[in-house]
C-alpha atoms as a PDB file:
ATOM      1  CA  MET A   1      30.236   1.853  -1.211  1.00  0.00           C
ATOM      2  CA  ASN A   2      27.598   0.180   0.962  1.00  0.00           C
ATOM      3  CA  TYR A   3      25.591   3.405   1.188  1.00  0.00           C
ATOM      4  CA  ALA A   4      25.679   3.721  -2.611  1.00  0.00           C
ATOM      5  CA  ALA A   5      24.568   0.093  -3.040  1.00  0.00           C
ATOM      6  CA  ASP A   6      21.750   0.624  -0.526  1.00  0.00           C
ATOM      7  CA  THR A   7      20.434   3.878  -1.977  1.00  0.00           C
ATOM      8  CA  GLY A   8      21.760   4.356  -5.501  1.00  0.00           C
ATOM      9  CA  ASP A   9      23.108   7.742  -4.331  1.00  0.00           C
ATOM     10  CA  THR A  10      26.734   7.817  -5.460  1.00  0.00           C
ATOM     11  CA  THR A  11      27.430  11.462  -4.584  1.00  0.00           C
ATOM     12  CA  PRO A  12      29.322  10.661  -1.326  1.00  0.00           C
ATOM     13  CA  LEU A  13      31.271   7.837  -2.995  1.00  0.00           C
ATOM     14  CA  LEU A  14      32.373   9.975  -5.914  1.00  0.00           C
ATOM     15  CA  GLY A  15      32.991  12.937  -3.596  1.00  0.00           C
ATOM     16  CA  ALA A  16      35.524  10.807  -1.681  1.00  0.00           C
ATOM     17  CA  SER A  17      37.241   9.698  -4.911  1.00  0.00           C
ATOM     18  CA  GLU A  18      39.660  11.344  -7.321  1.00  0.00           C
ATOM     19  CA  ALA A  19      38.017  12.266 -10.628  1.00  0.00           C
ATOM     20  CA  GLY A  20      40.375   9.825 -12.390  1.00  0.00           C
ATOM     21  CA  CYS A  21      39.481   6.754 -10.288  1.00  0.00           C
ATOM     22  CA  GLU A  22      38.079   4.568 -13.062  1.00  0.00           C
ATOM     23  CA  ASN A  23      37.025   1.677 -10.798  1.00  0.00           C
ATOM     24  CA  CYS A  24      35.263   4.143  -8.494  1.00  0.00           C
ATOM     25  CA  LYS A  25      33.292   5.493 -11.461  1.00  0.00           C
ATOM     26  CA  ALA A  26      32.524   1.970 -12.744  1.00  0.00           C
ATOM     27  CA  TYR A  27      31.209   0.873  -9.320  1.00  0.00           C
ATOM     28  CA  ALA A  28      29.145   4.074  -9.065  1.00  0.00           C
ATOM     29  CA  ALA A  29      27.606   3.480 -12.506  1.00  0.00           C
ATOM     30  CA  ALA A  30      26.704  -0.115 -11.588  1.00  0.00           C
ATOM     31  CA  VAL A  31      24.943   0.786  -8.338  1.00  0.00           C
ATOM     32  CA  GLN A  32      23.166   3.762  -9.870  1.00  0.00           C
ATOM     33  CA  LYS A  33      21.549   1.243 -12.214  1.00  0.00           C
ATOM     34  CA  SER A  34      20.954  -1.653  -9.772  1.00  0.00           C
ATOM     35  CA  ASN A  35      20.639  -0.934  -6.062  1.00  0.00           C
ATOM     36  CA  ALA A  36      18.594  -2.020  -3.075  1.00  0.00           C
ATOM     37  CA  ALA A  37      16.405   1.108  -3.117  1.00  0.00           C
ATOM     38  CA  ASN A  38      15.100   0.345  -6.618  1.00  0.00           C
ATOM     39  CA  GLY A  39      14.715  -3.369  -5.835  1.00  0.00           C
ATOM     40  CA  LEU A  40      17.338  -4.600  -8.296  1.00  0.00           C
ATOM     41  CA  LEU A  41      19.857  -5.636  -5.619  1.00  0.00           C
ATOM     42  CA  ALA A  42      18.883  -7.965  -2.770  1.00  0.00           C
ATOM     43  CA  GLY A  43      20.497 -10.238  -0.211  1.00  0.00           C
ATOM     44  CA  ASP A  44      23.762  -9.992   1.699  1.00  0.00           C
ATOM     45  CA  TYR A  45      25.534  -7.655  -0.766  1.00  0.00           C
ATOM     46  CA  ARG A  46      27.055  -5.270   1.797  1.00  0.00           C
ATOM     47  CA  GLU A  47      30.828  -5.377   1.980  1.00  0.00           C
ATOM     48  CA  LYS A  48      32.270  -6.211   5.390  1.00  0.00           C
ATOM     49  CA  LEU A  49      35.830  -5.202   6.185  1.00  0.00           C
ATOM     50  CA  THR A  50      37.515  -8.103   7.987  1.00  0.00           C
ATOM     51  CA  GLU A  51      41.191  -7.069   7.990  1.00  0.00           C
ATOM     52  CA  VAL A  52      43.448  -4.245   6.877  1.00  0.00           C
ATOM     53  CA  ALA A  53      46.506  -6.173   5.737  1.00  0.00           C
ATOM     54  CA  GLU A  54      48.804  -3.249   5.004  1.00  0.00           C
ATOM     55  CA  LEU A  55      48.968   0.506   4.800  1.00  0.00           C
ATOM     56  CA  VAL A  56      52.072   2.160   3.326  1.00  0.00           C
ATOM     57  CA  ARG A  57      52.928   5.780   2.515  1.00  0.00           C
ATOM     58  CA  GLY A  58      54.718   6.074  -0.815  1.00  0.00           C
ATOM     59  CA  GLU A  59      57.459   8.512  -1.720  1.00  0.00           C
ATOM     60  CA  ASP A  60      54.953  10.450  -3.834  1.00  0.00           C
ATOM     61  CA  GLY A  61      52.846  11.165  -0.729  1.00  0.00           C
ATOM     62  CA  GLN A  62      50.109   8.745  -1.656  1.00  0.00           C
ATOM     63  CA  LEU A  63      48.938   6.108   0.766  1.00  0.00           C
ATOM     64  CA  GLY A  64      48.429   2.553  -0.460  1.00  0.00           C
ATOM     65  CA  GLY A  65      47.363  -0.712   1.004  1.00  0.00           C
ATOM     66  CA  SER A  66      45.021  -3.618   0.975  1.00  0.00           C
ATOM     67  CA  ALA A  67      42.109  -4.849   3.024  1.00  0.00           C
ATOM     68  CA  ARG A  68      40.185  -8.108   3.160  1.00  0.00           C
ATOM     69  CA  VAL A  69      36.482  -7.723   2.394  1.00  0.00           C
ATOM     70  CA  THR A  70      33.670 -10.286   2.452  1.00  0.00           C
ATOM     71  CA  VAL A  71      30.209 -10.267   0.889  1.00  0.00           C
ATOM     72  CA  GLY A  72      27.422 -12.781   1.295  1.00  0.00           C
ATOM     73  CA  ALA A  73      25.041 -14.300  -1.226  1.00  0.00           C
ATOM     74  CA  TYR A  74      23.025 -11.756  -3.181  1.00  0.00           C
ATOM     75  CA  THR A  75      21.133 -11.246  -6.405  1.00  0.00           C
ATOM     76  CA  THR A  76      21.131  -8.396  -8.876  1.00  0.00           C
ATOM     77  CA  LYS A  77      18.967  -7.640 -11.901  1.00  0.00           C
ATOM     78  CA  GLU A  78      19.400  -5.400 -14.930  1.00  0.00           C
ATOM     79  CA  THR A  79      15.725  -4.411 -14.913  1.00  0.00           C
ATOM     80  CA  ALA A  80      12.684  -5.135 -12.754  1.00  0.00           C
ATOM     81  CA  THR A  81      11.521  -7.823 -15.200  1.00  0.00           C
ATOM     82  CA  SER A  82      14.879  -9.459 -15.992  1.00  0.00           C
ATOM     83  CA  LYS A  83      16.059 -12.731 -14.498  1.00  0.00           C
ATOM     84  CA  PRO A  84      18.142 -12.282 -11.319  1.00  0.00           C
ATOM     85  CA  PHE A  85      21.866 -13.020 -11.421  1.00  0.00           C
ATOM     86  CA  ALA A  86      22.964 -14.848  -8.252  1.00  0.00           C
ATOM     87  CA  SER A  87      26.340 -14.191  -6.624  1.00  0.00           C
ATOM     88  CA  LYS A  88      27.785 -16.564  -4.049  1.00  0.00           C
ATOM     89  CA  PRO A  89      29.506 -15.468  -0.829  1.00  0.00           C
ATOM     90  CA  ALA A  90      33.038 -14.329  -1.558  1.00  0.00           C
ATOM     91  CA  THR A  91      36.170 -12.886  -0.011  1.00  0.00           C
ATOM     92  CA  TYR A  92      38.164 -10.199  -1.797  1.00  0.00           C
ATOM     93  CA  THR A  93      41.347  -8.308  -1.238  1.00  0.00           C
ATOM     94  CA  ARG A  94      40.635  -4.657  -1.963  1.00  0.00           C
ATOM     95  CA  GLU A  95      43.857  -3.034  -3.132  1.00  0.00           C
ATOM     96  CA  PHE A  96      43.748   0.739  -2.993  1.00  0.00           C
ATOM     97  CA  ALA A  97      45.688   3.969  -3.283  1.00  0.00           C
ATOM     98  CA  LEU A  98      44.674   7.178  -1.542  1.00  0.00           C
ATOM     99  CA  SER A  99      45.784  10.728  -2.253  1.00  0.00           C
ATOM    100  CA  SER A 100      45.540  13.841  -0.150  1.00  0.00           C
ATOM    101  CA  GLN A 101      42.925  16.345  -1.283  1.00  0.00           C
ATOM    102  CA  ALA A 102      41.937  19.459   0.679  1.00  0.00           C
ATOM    103  CA  GLY A 103      43.233  17.944   3.929  1.00  0.00           C
ATOM    104  CA  SER A 104      41.447  14.590   3.535  1.00  0.00           C
ATOM    105  CA  TRP A 105      42.352  11.247   2.017  1.00  0.00           C
ATOM    106  CA  VAL A 106      40.385  10.338  -1.119  1.00  0.00           C
ATOM    107  CA  MET A 107      40.339   7.165  -3.207  1.00  0.00           C
ATOM    108  CA  TYR A 108      42.884   7.501  -6.003  1.00  0.00           C
ATOM    109  CA  GLU A 109      42.374   3.981  -7.341  1.00  0.00           C
ATOM    110  CA  MET A 110      41.039   0.623  -6.171  1.00  0.00           C
ATOM    111  CA  LYS A 111      40.629  -2.872  -7.438  1.00  0.00           C
ATOM    112  CA  SER A 112      39.256  -6.089  -6.005  1.00  0.00           C
ATOM    113  CA  VAL A 113      41.103  -9.379  -6.244  1.00  0.00           C
ATOM    114  CA  LYS A 114      38.940 -12.435  -5.535  1.00  0.00           C
ATOM    115  CA  GLN A 115      40.455 -14.893  -3.048  1.00  0.00           C
END
């Protein structure tokens, strides 16, 4: 996710996600439009993993869990000439489910819950 936000290149992010992961696709679409490489994302936007709270294997073979993530203050813009939108530092719990695909774990679904 940080690489995609830095570069706008979402190929690795989407390659490590199930085709049906709607939040993965939504995040990819947002950073393709506004990212650090095109100057529309600036500041301390990179997600920092601070704690993996749980990791559980379900009966269906999927792996699920949650992790605490922090981001700092950053700004984003829709276009180069639009007014920046400021985001304050925040802590999130990233809830996720992973599924096995070709011998690797890929993101099946994720969502962020603000703390």
